[in-house]
């Protein structure tokens, strides 16, 4: 079943597992803060505490997608469903 029938989203990404695709989910991390106002869009942080970085909340510093991999080690720091990338099959 399409988790976001009104929008094109072939990957069907659903970060918070609420059966609404991220493309049309107004709160991707289910912390009650709408994505447009959320300083950690993929990591639940209802308090929106921000003491270190001017843009990101403390809850997602160093791990913006909440997948327990530091952004510096993460092959895709904006998506928690991508952990490994295999470039052997990329066409030239």
Protein backbone atom coordinates (compact mmCIF):
# COMPACT_ATOMS: atom_id res chain seq x y z
CA UNK A 1 0.00 0.00 0.00
CA UNK A 2 1.25 3.51 -0.86
CA UNK A 3 2.10 5.35 2.36
CA UNK A 4 1.70 8.76 0.73
CA UNK A 5 -0.76 8.37 -2.16
CA UNK A 6 -1.06 12.06 -2.97
CA UNK A 7 2.71 12.58 -3.42
CA UNK A 8 5.36 10.86 -5.51
CA UNK A 9 7.59 8.90 -3.14
CA UNK A 10 8.92 5.73 -4.76
CA UNK A 11 11.17 4.88 -1.79
CA UNK A 12 8.17 4.83 0.63
CA UNK A 13 10.47 6.18 3.38
CA UNK A 14 8.68 6.30 6.75
CA UNK A 15 11.24 7.41 9.34
CA UNK A 16 8.96 7.28 12.37
CA UNK A 17 7.09 4.12 11.39
CA UNK A 18 3.64 5.72 11.55
CA UNK A 19 2.59 4.41 8.12
CA UNK A 20 2.64 7.93 6.65
CA UNK A 21 5.47 8.48 4.17
CA UNK A 22 8.01 11.16 5.03
CA UNK A 23 7.13 13.04 1.85
CA UNK A 24 3.69 13.89 3.28
CA UNK A 25 4.29 13.46 7.04
CA UNK A 26 4.04 16.81 8.81
CA UNK A 27 5.93 15.44 11.85
CA UNK A 28 8.53 12.88 10.71
CA UNK A 29 9.74 12.03 14.23
CA UNK A 30 6.38 12.13 16.08
CA UNK A 31 7.55 14.56 18.75
CA UNK A 32 4.50 16.86 18.24
CA UNK A 33 6.67 19.57 16.66
CA UNK A 34 5.85 20.12 12.95
CA UNK A 35 8.79 19.52 10.61
CA UNK A 36 8.90 23.18 9.55
CA UNK A 37 9.52 24.23 13.16
CA UNK A 38 11.48 21.20 14.37
CA UNK A 39 15.21 21.70 15.00
CA UNK A 40 15.77 17.92 14.84
CA UNK A 41 13.42 16.76 12.13
CA UNK A 42 14.31 13.06 12.35
CA UNK A 43 15.09 12.74 16.08
CA UNK A 44 12.29 13.16 18.66
CA UNK A 45 12.97 16.16 20.89
CA UNK A 46 9.74 17.76 22.09
CA UNK A 47 11.64 20.26 24.27
CA UNK A 48 13.58 21.60 21.21
CA UNK A 49 16.56 22.26 23.51
CA UNK A 50 19.35 24.02 21.61
CA UNK A 51 22.43 25.05 23.57
CA UNK A 52 25.36 24.27 21.25
CA UNK A 53 24.42 24.73 17.58
CA UNK A 54 22.43 27.72 16.29
CA UNK A 55 20.28 25.56 13.99
CA UNK A 56 20.15 21.95 15.23
CA UNK A 57 18.74 20.82 18.55
CA UNK A 58 20.97 19.12 21.10
CA UNK A 59 19.19 15.79 20.55
CA UNK A 60 20.52 15.44 17.01
CA UNK A 61 23.97 17.00 17.25
CA UNK A 62 26.39 14.67 15.52
CA UNK A 63 23.58 12.31 14.50
CA UNK A 64 20.93 14.19 12.53
CA UNK A 65 18.99 11.11 11.43
CA UNK A 66 18.89 9.31 14.79
CA UNK A 67 20.35 6.01 13.53
CA UNK A 68 23.06 5.75 16.24
CA UNK A 69 25.82 6.43 13.71
CA UNK A 70 27.77 9.65 14.06
CA UNK A 71 27.30 11.89 11.01
CA UNK A 72 31.05 11.77 10.34
CA UNK A 73 30.84 7.95 10.01
CA UNK A 74 27.37 7.78 8.41
CA UNK A 75 27.25 7.15 4.65
CA UNK A 76 23.93 9.02 4.52
CA UNK A 77 23.49 11.32 7.56
CA UNK A 78 20.10 12.61 6.39
CA UNK A 79 18.41 9.19 6.12
CA UNK A 80 18.29 6.61 8.89
CA UNK A 81 17.32 3.77 6.54
CA UNK A 82 20.64 3.88 4.65
CA UNK A 83 23.53 2.31 6.58
CA UNK A 84 25.76 0.88 3.84
CA UNK A 85 26.38 1.95 0.28
CA UNK A 86 27.84 -0.47 -2.22
CA UNK A 87 29.27 1.43 -5.19
CA UNK A 88 30.32 -1.70 -7.07
CA UNK A 89 27.04 -1.65 -8.99
CA UNK A 90 26.95 2.01 -9.93
CA UNK A 91 27.15 2.36 -13.70
CA UNK A 92 29.81 4.60 -15.16
